[in-house]
Amino acid sequence: MATVTVVRYKRRKRISDADSPMVFALKPKSGESKIYSIEALAREIETIGSLSVEDVSHVMKSFVRAMKKVLVAGNKVKVEGLGIFYTTLTCPGVELEKDCTVKSITRVNLRFKVDNSLRLANDSTATTRGGDNNMVFELLSDKKNAAGGDGGSPDNPNGSGGGEDGDNNGEAPDPAE
């Protein structure tokens, strides 16, 4: 199972309130996640199925075109095991009915509601460890560097500790270590 590296950062409890107390929170380490294209996903699917990369890529591109057509018509698209894609709109309230027209719509958004079978869980707090939808997290800490380690994990022995470029980016050390 792959591990997601997280780092601590300091922010205000209520971000927009300058008088709010400072708190520590976690976020995924920047630069670690990859963006998969249709071609990359097609290569992944080819390794587990009998379809070629070209076949999978063609089907996925056709799926995107068809999905766009359905969504533009104001309908929803349910992808079994993934979720429901749908559109919403933003329209400010107005006092008079005659002023409430389609020209009042300021934004159209694409939304996604995840399917229950895809909901992800933190493996360290999940009731069923090692489940298919569980994510494993590792906290990046400067103490690993101070102890002579490089901050790597068993899945990533060449990983760098201490944040980007060796600085701690305002993260506090892990008190558990």
N, C-alpha and C. Protein backbone atom coordinates (compact mmCIF):
# COMPACT_ATOMS: atom_id res chain seq x y z
N MET A 1 0.85 -1.18 0.00
CA MET A 1 0.00 0.00 0.00
C MET A 1 0.89 1.23 0.00
N ALA A 2 0.57 2.20 -0.81
CA ALA A 2 1.34 3.44 -0.88
C ALA A 2 1.08 4.31 0.34
N THR A 3 2.07 5.14 0.66
CA THR A 3 1.95 6.04 1.81
C THR A 3 1.91 7.47 1.33
N VAL A 4 1.03 8.27 1.91
CA VAL A 4 0.92 9.69 1.59
C VAL A 4 1.67 10.46 2.67
N THR A 5 2.66 11.27 2.27
CA THR A 5 3.44 12.05 3.22
C THR A 5 2.69 13.33 3.53
N VAL A 6 2.56 13.64 4.83
CA VAL A 6 1.91 14.88 5.26
C VAL A 6 2.88 15.70 6.08
N VAL A 7 2.66 17.01 6.11
CA VAL A 7 3.49 17.93 6.89
C VAL A 7 2.59 18.80 7.75
N ARG A 8 3.17 19.31 8.84
CA ARG A 8 2.43 20.23 9.70
C ARG A 8 2.60 21.65 9.17
N TYR A 9 1.59 22.44 9.41
CA TYR A 9 1.71 23.87 9.13
C TYR A 9 0.92 24.62 10.18
N LYS A 10 1.27 25.88 10.35
CA LYS A 10 0.65 26.70 11.38
C LYS A 10 -0.27 27.70 10.69
N ARG A 11 -1.48 27.84 11.23
CA ARG A 11 -2.45 28.80 10.67
C ARG A 11 -3.37 29.27 11.78
N ARG A 12 -4.16 30.26 11.47
CA ARG A 12 -5.15 30.73 12.43
C ARG A 12 -6.32 29.74 12.48
N LYS A 13 -6.93 29.58 13.67
CA LYS A 13 -8.05 28.66 13.81
C LYS A 13 -9.19 29.09 12.89
N ARG A 14 -9.51 30.38 12.92
CA ARG A 14 -10.45 30.96 11.96
C ARG A 14 -9.60 31.81 11.02
N ILE A 15 -9.40 31.33 9.83
CA ILE A 15 -8.43 31.92 8.91
C ILE A 15 -8.63 33.41 8.70
N SER A 16 -9.86 33.88 8.57
CA SER A 16 -10.12 35.29 8.27
C SER A 16 -10.09 36.19 9.50
N ASP A 17 -9.94 35.61 10.70
CA ASP A 17 -9.96 36.39 11.94
C ASP A 17 -8.53 36.57 12.46
N ALA A 18 -8.03 37.80 12.40
CA ALA A 18 -6.66 38.08 12.83
C ALA A 18 -6.47 37.84 14.32
N ASP A 19 -7.52 37.86 15.12
CA ASP A 19 -7.42 37.63 16.57
C ASP A 19 -7.57 36.15 16.94
N SER A 20 -7.82 35.31 15.97
CA SER A 20 -8.00 33.88 16.23
C SER A 20 -6.67 33.26 16.65
N PRO A 21 -6.69 32.29 17.57
CA PRO A 21 -5.44 31.67 18.00
C PRO A 21 -4.80 30.84 16.90
N MET A 22 -3.49 30.67 16.99
CA MET A 22 -2.76 29.86 16.02
C MET A 22 -2.91 28.38 16.38
N VAL A 23 -3.07 27.54 15.36
CA VAL A 23 -3.19 26.10 15.55
C VAL A 23 -2.30 25.40 14.52
N PHE A 24 -2.00 24.14 14.78
CA PHE A 24 -1.26 23.33 13.83
C PHE A 24 -2.23 22.40 13.13
N ALA A 25 -2.01 22.21 11.84
CA ALA A 25 -2.85 21.31 11.05
C ALA A 25 -1.94 20.52 10.11
N LEU A 26 -2.48 19.53 9.48
CA LEU A 26 -1.72 18.71 8.54
C LEU A 26 -2.22 18.93 7.12
N LYS A 27 -1.31 18.80 6.17
CA LYS A 27 -1.66 18.86 4.76
C LYS A 27 -0.71 17.93 4.00
N PRO A 28 -1.14 17.43 2.84
CA PRO A 28 -0.23 16.60 2.05
C PRO A 28 1.00 17.40 1.66
N LYS A 29 2.17 16.77 1.65
CA LYS A 29 3.41 17.44 1.27
C LYS A 29 3.30 17.87 -0.18
N SER A 30 3.59 19.12 -0.44
CA SER A 30 3.44 19.64 -1.80
C SER A 30 4.47 19.00 -2.74
N GLY A 31 4.07 18.83 -3.97
CA GLY A 31 4.94 18.28 -4.99
C GLY A 31 5.03 16.76 -5.00
N GLU A 32 4.33 16.08 -4.12
CA GLU A 32 4.43 14.63 -4.05
C GLU A 32 3.35 13.92 -4.88
N SER A 33 2.19 14.54 -5.05
CA SER A 33 1.13 13.87 -5.80
C SER A 33 1.34 14.11 -7.30
N LYS A 34 0.89 13.16 -8.07
CA LYS A 34 1.02 13.22 -9.52
C LYS A 34 -0.36 13.42 -10.13
N ILE A 35 -0.39 14.00 -11.30
CA ILE A 35 -1.64 14.12 -12.05
C ILE A 35 -1.60 13.06 -13.13
N TYR A 36 -2.60 12.18 -13.12
CA TYR A 36 -2.68 11.13 -14.12
C TYR A 36 -3.53 11.58 -15.29
N SER A 37 -3.02 11.41 -16.48
CA SER A 37 -3.77 11.73 -17.70
C SER A 37 -4.59 10.50 -18.09
N ILE A 38 -5.42 10.68 -19.10
CA ILE A 38 -6.19 9.56 -19.62
C ILE A 38 -5.24 8.47 -20.12
N GLU A 39 -4.16 8.87 -20.76
CA GLU A 39 -3.19 7.89 -21.28
C GLU A 39 -2.54 7.10 -20.14
N ALA A 40 -2.19 7.78 -19.05
CA ALA A 40 -1.56 7.10 -17.91
C ALA A 40 -2.55 6.12 -17.26
N LEU A 41 -3.81 6.56 -17.12
CA LEU A 41 -4.83 5.66 -16.58
C LEU A 41 -5.05 4.47 -17.52
N ALA A 42 -5.02 4.72 -18.81
CA ALA A 42 -5.21 3.65 -19.79
C ALA A 42 -4.09 2.61 -19.65
N ARG A 43 -2.85 3.07 -19.41
CA ARG A 43 -1.74 2.13 -19.20
C ARG A 43 -1.96 1.30 -17.93
N GLU A 44 -2.48 1.95 -16.87
CA GLU A 44 -2.78 1.23 -15.62
C GLU A 44 -3.85 0.17 -15.87
N ILE A 45 -4.90 0.54 -16.62
CA ILE A 45 -6.00 -0.38 -16.90
C ILE A 45 -5.52 -1.53 -17.78
N GLU A 46 -4.62 -1.26 -18.71
CA GLU A 46 -4.10 -2.30 -19.60
C GLU A 46 -3.40 -3.40 -18.79
N THR A 47 -2.71 -3.02 -17.71
CA THR A 47 -1.97 -4.00 -16.92
C THR A 47 -2.89 -4.96 -16.16
N ILE A 48 -4.14 -4.53 -15.91
CA ILE A 48 -5.05 -5.39 -15.13
C ILE A 48 -6.18 -5.98 -15.97
N GLY A 49 -6.20 -5.67 -17.26
CA GLY A 49 -7.29 -6.17 -18.10
C GLY A 49 -6.78 -6.66 -19.44
N SER A 50 -7.71 -6.92 -20.32
CA SER A 50 -7.35 -7.46 -21.63
C SER A 50 -7.46 -6.41 -22.74
N LEU A 51 -7.75 -5.17 -22.38
CA LEU A 51 -7.87 -4.12 -23.39
C LEU A 51 -6.52 -3.44 -23.62
N SER A 52 -6.32 -2.94 -24.83
CA SER A 52 -5.08 -2.23 -25.14
C SER A 52 -5.18 -0.79 -24.64
N VAL A 53 -4.05 -0.12 -24.53
CA VAL A 53 -4.01 1.28 -24.12
C VAL A 53 -4.86 2.12 -25.07
N GLU A 54 -4.76 1.84 -26.37
CA GLU A 54 -5.51 2.61 -27.36
C GLU A 54 -7.02 2.45 -27.20
N ASP A 55 -7.45 1.20 -26.93
CA ASP A 55 -8.88 0.95 -26.74
C ASP A 55 -9.41 1.68 -25.50
N VAL A 56 -8.68 1.56 -24.40
CA VAL A 56 -9.10 2.20 -23.15
C VAL A 56 -9.11 3.71 -23.32
N SER A 57 -8.07 4.25 -23.94
CA SER A 57 -7.98 5.69 -24.14
C SER A 57 -9.14 6.20 -24.99
N HIS A 58 -9.47 5.49 -26.06
CA HIS A 58 -10.59 5.89 -26.92
C HIS A 58 -11.91 5.88 -26.16
N VAL A 59 -12.15 4.83 -25.37
CA VAL A 59 -13.39 4.73 -24.60
C VAL A 59 -13.46 5.86 -23.57
N MET A 60 -12.36 6.13 -22.89
CA MET A 60 -12.37 7.19 -21.86
C MET A 60 -12.61 8.57 -22.48
N LYS A 61 -11.99 8.84 -23.61
CA LYS A 61 -12.20 10.13 -24.28
C LYS A 61 -13.65 10.26 -24.76
N SER A 62 -14.20 9.16 -25.25
CA SER A 62 -15.61 9.17 -25.66
C SER A 62 -16.52 9.37 -24.46
N PHE A 63 -16.17 8.75 -23.33
CA PHE A 63 -16.94 8.91 -22.09
C PHE A 63 -16.94 10.38 -21.66
N VAL A 64 -15.80 11.05 -21.72
CA VAL A 64 -15.71 12.46 -21.33
C VAL A 64 -16.57 13.32 -22.24
N ARG A 65 -16.52 13.07 -23.55
CA ARG A 65 -17.34 13.86 -24.49
C ARG A 65 -18.82 13.65 -24.21
N ALA A 66 -19.23 12.41 -24.00
CA ALA A 66 -20.65 12.11 -23.74
C ALA A 66 -21.08 12.71 -22.41
N MET A 67 -20.22 12.61 -21.40
CA MET A 67 -20.54 13.16 -20.10
C MET A 67 -20.72 14.69 -20.18
N LYS A 68 -19.85 15.35 -20.91
CA LYS A 68 -19.97 16.80 -21.08
C LYS A 68 -21.30 17.16 -21.75
N LYS A 69 -21.69 16.40 -22.76
CA LYS A 69 -22.95 16.64 -23.47
C LYS A 69 -24.14 16.51 -22.52
N VAL A 70 -24.13 15.48 -21.67
CA VAL A 70 -25.21 15.25 -20.71
C VAL A 70 -25.25 16.35 -19.66
N LEU A 71 -24.09 16.75 -19.14
CA LEU A 71 -24.03 17.79 -18.10
C LEU A 71 -24.46 19.16 -18.63
N VAL A 72 -24.06 19.48 -19.85
CA VAL A 72 -24.44 20.76 -20.45
C VAL A 72 -25.95 20.84 -20.65
N ALA A 73 -26.61 19.69 -20.79
CA ALA A 73 -28.06 19.66 -20.93
C ALA A 73 -28.76 19.77 -19.57
N GLY A 74 -27.97 19.90 -18.49
CA GLY A 74 -28.55 20.07 -17.16
C GLY A 74 -28.86 18.77 -16.44
N ASN A 75 -28.38 17.66 -16.97
CA ASN A 75 -28.63 16.35 -16.36
C ASN A 75 -27.47 15.94 -15.47
N LYS A 76 -27.64 14.84 -14.75
CA LYS A 76 -26.62 14.29 -13.87
C LYS A 76 -26.05 13.03 -14.49
N VAL A 77 -24.79 12.72 -14.12
CA VAL A 77 -24.15 11.50 -14.59
C VAL A 77 -23.73 10.70 -13.37
N LYS A 78 -24.29 9.47 -13.24
CA LYS A 78 -23.90 8.59 -12.14
C LYS A 78 -22.95 7.53 -12.70
N VAL A 79 -21.75 7.50 -12.13
CA VAL A 79 -20.78 6.48 -12.50
C VAL A 79 -20.73 5.50 -11.34
N GLU A 80 -21.25 4.31 -11.57
CA GLU A 80 -21.34 3.29 -10.51
C GLU A 80 -19.98 3.05 -9.88
N GLY A 81 -19.92 3.12 -8.56
CA GLY A 81 -18.68 2.89 -7.83
C GLY A 81 -17.79 4.12 -7.73
N LEU A 82 -18.15 5.21 -8.41
CA LEU A 82 -17.36 6.45 -8.37
C LEU A 82 -18.19 7.56 -7.74
N GLY A 83 -19.33 7.89 -8.33
CA GLY A 83 -20.18 8.93 -7.77
C GLY A 83 -21.04 9.59 -8.82
N ILE A 84 -21.63 10.72 -8.44
CA ILE A 84 -22.55 11.45 -9.31
C ILE A 84 -21.96 12.81 -9.64
N PHE A 85 -21.89 13.14 -10.92
CA PHE A 85 -21.46 14.45 -11.39
C PHE A 85 -22.72 15.25 -11.71
N TYR A 86 -22.76 16.52 -11.31
CA TYR A 86 -23.91 17.35 -11.59
C TYR A 86 -23.48 18.82 -11.61
N THR A 87 -24.36 19.69 -12.10
CA THR A 87 -24.05 21.11 -12.17
C THR A 87 -24.87 21.90 -11.15
N THR A 88 -24.32 23.00 -10.70
CA THR A 88 -25.03 23.95 -9.85
C THR A 88 -24.80 25.33 -10.43
N LEU A 89 -25.58 26.29 -9.97
CA LEU A 89 -25.37 27.67 -10.44
C LEU A 89 -25.39 28.63 -9.27
N THR A 90 -24.75 29.77 -9.48
CA THR A 90 -24.73 30.82 -8.48
C THR A 90 -25.51 32.01 -9.03
N CYS A 91 -26.44 32.49 -8.23
CA CYS A 91 -27.28 33.61 -8.64
C CYS A 91 -27.56 34.46 -7.40
N PRO A 92 -27.18 35.73 -7.42
CA PRO A 92 -27.46 36.57 -6.25
C PRO A 92 -28.96 36.85 -6.13
N GLY A 93 -29.41 36.99 -4.91
CA GLY A 93 -30.82 37.30 -4.69
C GLY A 93 -31.13 38.74 -5.09
N VAL A 94 -32.29 38.95 -5.66
CA VAL A 94 -32.74 40.29 -6.04
C VAL A 94 -34.11 40.55 -5.43
N GLU A 95 -34.45 41.83 -5.28
CA GLU A 95 -35.69 42.22 -4.62
C GLU A 95 -36.92 42.00 -5.50
N LEU A 96 -36.79 42.31 -6.79
CA LEU A 96 -37.94 42.25 -7.69
C LEU A 96 -37.89 41.00 -8.57
N GLU A 97 -39.05 40.39 -8.77
CA GLU A 97 -39.13 39.18 -9.59
C GLU A 97 -38.67 39.44 -11.01
N LYS A 98 -38.99 40.62 -11.55
CA LYS A 98 -38.63 40.92 -12.94
C LYS A 98 -37.12 41.04 -13.12
N ASP A 99 -36.39 41.31 -12.03
CA ASP A 99 -34.93 41.42 -12.11
C ASP A 99 -34.24 40.05 -12.02
N CYS A 100 -34.99 39.02 -11.69
CA CYS A 100 -34.44 37.67 -11.56
C CYS A 100 -34.54 36.98 -12.92
N THR A 101 -33.48 37.08 -13.72
CA THR A 101 -33.45 36.50 -15.05
C THR A 101 -32.24 35.60 -15.20
N VAL A 102 -32.14 34.92 -16.33
CA VAL A 102 -30.99 34.05 -16.55
C VAL A 102 -29.69 34.84 -16.64
N LYS A 103 -29.80 36.13 -16.93
CA LYS A 103 -28.60 36.97 -16.96
C LYS A 103 -28.04 37.19 -15.55
N SER A 104 -28.85 36.89 -14.54
CA SER A 104 -28.41 37.03 -13.15
C SER A 104 -27.44 35.92 -12.74
N ILE A 105 -27.41 34.84 -13.48
CA ILE A 105 -26.53 33.72 -13.13
C ILE A 105 -25.08 34.16 -13.32
N THR A 106 -24.32 34.11 -12.21
CA THR A 106 -22.94 34.58 -12.26
C THR A 106 -21.93 33.46 -12.46
N ARG A 107 -22.29 32.23 -12.13
CA ARG A 107 -21.35 31.13 -12.24
C ARG A 107 -22.09 29.81 -12.37
N VAL A 108 -21.53 28.92 -13.19
CA VAL A 108 -22.03 27.55 -13.30
C VAL A 108 -20.89 26.65 -12.85
N ASN A 109 -21.17 25.75 -11.91
CA ASN A 109 -20.14 24.88 -11.34
C ASN A 109 -20.42 23.42 -11.65
N LEU A 110 -19.36 22.65 -11.74
CA LEU A 110 -19.47 21.20 -11.85
C LEU A 110 -19.19 20.64 -10.47
N ARG A 111 -20.07 19.81 -9.98
CA ARG A 111 -19.94 19.23 -8.63
C ARG A 111 -19.86 17.71 -8.74
N PHE A 112 -19.38 17.11 -7.66
CA PHE A 112 -19.23 15.66 -7.61
C PHE A 112 -19.61 15.18 -6.22
N LYS A 113 -20.49 14.18 -6.15
CA LYS A 113 -20.87 13.54 -4.89
C LYS A 113 -20.34 12.12 -4.94
N VAL A 114 -19.43 11.82 -4.03
CA VAL A 114 -18.75 10.52 -4.04
C VAL A 114 -19.71 9.39 -3.69
N ASP A 115 -19.52 8.25 -4.34
CA ASP A 115 -20.29 7.04 -4.05
C ASP A 115 -19.82 6.47 -2.72
N ASN A 116 -20.74 5.92 -1.94
CA ASN A 116 -20.38 5.38 -0.63
C ASN A 116 -19.31 4.29 -0.71
N SER A 117 -19.27 3.54 -1.80
CA SER A 117 -18.27 2.48 -1.91
C SER A 117 -16.87 3.03 -2.16
N LEU A 118 -16.76 4.32 -2.46
CA LEU A 118 -15.46 4.93 -2.73
C LEU A 118 -14.95 5.79 -1.57
N ARG A 119 -15.75 5.99 -0.55
CA ARG A 119 -15.33 6.83 0.56
C ARG A 119 -14.02 6.32 1.13
N LEU A 120 -13.08 7.24 1.34
CA LEU A 120 -11.75 6.90 1.82
C LEU A 120 -11.67 7.07 3.33
N ALA A 121 -10.73 6.36 3.96
CA ALA A 121 -10.58 6.42 5.41
C ALA A 121 -9.10 6.47 5.76
N ASN A 122 -8.80 7.04 6.92
CA ASN A 122 -7.45 7.08 7.46
C ASN A 122 -7.17 5.71 8.08
N ASP A 123 -6.19 4.99 7.57
CA ASP A 123 -5.91 3.63 8.03
C ASP A 123 -5.56 3.59 9.52
N SER A 124 -4.95 4.66 10.06
CA SER A 124 -4.55 4.64 11.47
C SER A 124 -5.73 4.76 12.42
N THR A 125 -6.89 5.22 11.93
CA THR A 125 -8.07 5.34 12.79
C THR A 125 -9.23 4.46 12.32
N ALA A 126 -9.06 3.75 11.22
CA ALA A 126 -10.13 2.92 10.66
C ALA A 126 -10.39 1.71 11.54
N THR A 127 -11.63 1.27 11.54
CA THR A 127 -11.97 0.08 12.32
C THR A 127 -11.47 -1.17 11.63
N THR A 128 -11.34 -1.15 10.31
CA THR A 128 -10.80 -2.27 9.57
C THR A 128 -9.47 -1.84 8.96
N ARG A 129 -8.38 -2.30 9.54
CA ARG A 129 -7.05 -1.93 9.03
C ARG A 129 -6.77 -2.63 7.71
N GLY A 130 -6.09 -1.90 6.81
CA GLY A 130 -5.70 -2.49 5.53
C GLY A 130 -6.84 -2.64 4.56
N GLY A 131 -7.95 -1.94 4.77
CA GLY A 131 -9.09 -2.01 3.85
C GLY A 131 -8.75 -1.39 2.51
N ASP A 132 -9.52 -1.75 1.48
CA ASP A 132 -9.27 -1.25 0.13
C ASP A 132 -9.34 0.26 0.02
N ASN A 133 -10.18 0.91 0.82
CA ASN A 133 -10.36 2.36 0.72
C ASN A 133 -9.57 3.12 1.79
N ASN A 134 -8.70 2.44 2.52
CA ASN A 134 -7.93 3.10 3.57
C ASN A 134 -6.66 3.72 2.99
N MET A 135 -6.36 4.93 3.45
CA MET A 135 -5.13 5.61 3.06
C MET A 135 -4.16 5.57 4.23
N VAL A 136 -2.88 5.37 3.92
CA VAL A 136 -1.84 5.34 4.94
C VAL A 136 -1.08 6.66 4.86
N PHE A 137 -0.94 7.33 6.01
CA PHE A 137 -0.26 8.61 6.07
C PHE A 137 1.01 8.49 6.89
N GLU A 138 2.04 9.26 6.51
CA GLU A 138 3.27 9.34 7.27
C GLU A 138 3.58 10.81 7.48
N LEU A 139 3.85 11.18 8.74
CA LEU A 139 4.16 12.57 9.07
C LEU A 139 5.64 12.82 8.84
N LEU A 140 5.95 13.79 7.99
CA LEU A 140 7.33 14.17 7.73
C LEU A 140 7.82 14.99 8.90
N SER A 141 8.98 14.65 9.45
CA SER A 141 9.46 15.31 10.65
C SER A 141 10.93 15.64 10.52
N ASP A 142 11.36 16.78 11.10
CA ASP A 142 12.77 17.18 11.10
C ASP A 142 13.59 16.28 12.00
N LYS A 143 12.99 15.66 13.00
CA LYS A 143 13.74 14.83 13.95
C LYS A 143 14.36 13.63 13.25
N LYS A 144 13.75 13.16 12.16
CA LYS A 144 14.34 12.06 11.42
C LYS A 144 15.68 12.49 10.84
N ASN A 145 15.78 13.73 10.37
CA ASN A 145 17.04 14.24 9.86
C ASN A 145 18.05 14.41 10.98
N ALA A 146 17.63 14.93 12.12
CA ALA A 146 18.53 15.17 13.24
C ALA A 146 19.09 13.87 13.78
N ALA A 147 18.34 12.79 13.69
CA ALA A 147 18.77 11.49 14.20
C ALA A 147 19.69 10.79 13.20
N GLY A 148 19.99 11.42 12.08
CA GLY A 148 20.88 10.83 11.10
C GLY A 148 20.14 10.16 9.96
N GLY A 149 18.85 10.05 10.06
CA GLY A 149 18.07 9.46 8.98
C GLY A 149 17.81 10.48 7.90
N ASP A 150 17.33 10.01 6.76
CA ASP A 150 17.05 10.93 5.67
C ASP A 150 15.57 11.24 5.56
N GLY A 151 14.77 10.79 6.52
CA GLY A 151 13.34 11.07 6.49
C GLY A 151 12.58 10.16 5.57
N GLY A 152 13.27 9.15 5.02
CA GLY A 152 12.60 8.25 4.10
C GLY A 152 11.72 7.26 4.84
N SER A 153 10.86 6.61 4.11
CA SER A 153 9.99 5.61 4.70
C SER A 153 10.34 4.26 4.07
N PRO A 154 9.83 3.17 4.60
CA PRO A 154 10.11 1.88 3.97
C PRO A 154 9.67 1.83 2.51
N ASP A 155 8.59 2.54 2.18
CA ASP A 155 8.13 2.57 0.79
C ASP A 155 8.95 3.52 -0.06
N ASN A 156 9.65 4.47 0.59
CA ASN A 156 10.41 5.49 -0.12
C ASN A 156 11.73 5.72 0.60
N PRO A 157 12.69 4.78 0.51
CA PRO A 157 13.93 4.90 1.27
C PRO A 157 14.77 6.09 0.86
N ASN A 158 14.56 6.64 -0.32
CA ASN A 158 15.34 7.80 -0.76
C ASN A 158 14.60 9.11 -0.52
N GLY A 159 13.55 9.08 0.30
CA GLY A 159 12.74 10.28 0.56
C GLY A 159 13.54 11.32 1.29
N SER A 160 13.17 12.57 1.12
CA SER A 160 13.88 13.63 1.81
C SER A 160 13.06 14.08 3.00
N GLY A 161 13.69 14.29 4.10
CA GLY A 161 13.02 14.77 5.29
C GLY A 161 13.20 16.25 5.43
N GLY A 162 12.51 16.85 6.38
CA GLY A 162 12.71 18.26 6.67
C GLY A 162 12.01 19.19 5.73
N GLY A 163 11.07 18.75 4.97
CA GLY A 163 10.36 19.66 4.08
C GLY A 163 11.12 19.89 2.81
N GLU A 164 10.69 20.88 2.06
CA GLU A 164 11.32 21.18 0.79
C GLU A 164 12.60 21.95 1.05
N ASP A 165 13.66 21.62 0.29
CA ASP A 165 14.96 22.27 0.37
C ASP A 165 15.56 22.21 1.77
N GLY A 166 15.16 21.24 2.59
CA GLY A 166 15.76 21.04 3.89
C GLY A 166 15.26 21.96 4.98
N ASP A 167 14.41 22.94 4.68
CA ASP A 167 13.91 23.79 5.76
C ASP A 167 12.61 23.22 6.29
N ASN A 168 12.18 23.72 7.46
CA ASN A 168 11.01 23.10 8.07
C ASN A 168 9.71 23.79 7.71
N ASN A 169 9.75 24.83 6.90
CA ASN A 169 8.55 25.51 6.40
C ASN A 169 7.57 25.85 7.51
N GLY A 170 8.06 26.18 8.69
CA GLY A 170 7.18 26.59 9.77
C GLY A 170 6.49 25.45 10.47
N GLU A 171 6.88 24.20 10.18
CA GLU A 171 6.24 23.07 10.81
C GLU A 171 6.85 22.83 12.19
N ALA A 172 6.04 22.42 13.11
CA ALA A 172 6.51 22.11 14.45
C ALA A 172 6.99 20.66 14.49
N PRO A 173 7.98 20.35 15.34
CA PRO A 173 8.41 18.97 15.44
C PRO A 173 7.31 18.10 16.03
N ASP A 174 7.34 16.82 15.71
CA ASP A 174 6.35 15.88 16.19
C ASP A 174 6.63 15.53 17.64
N PRO A 175 5.73 15.87 18.58
CA PRO A 175 5.99 15.58 19.99
C PRO A 175 5.98 14.09 20.31
N ALA A 176 5.43 13.28 19.42
CA ALA A 176 5.36 11.83 19.66
C ALA A 176 6.68 11.14 19.44
N GLU A 177 7.62 11.83 18.80
CA GLU A 177 8.91 11.19 18.51
C GLU A 177 9.96 11.60 19.50
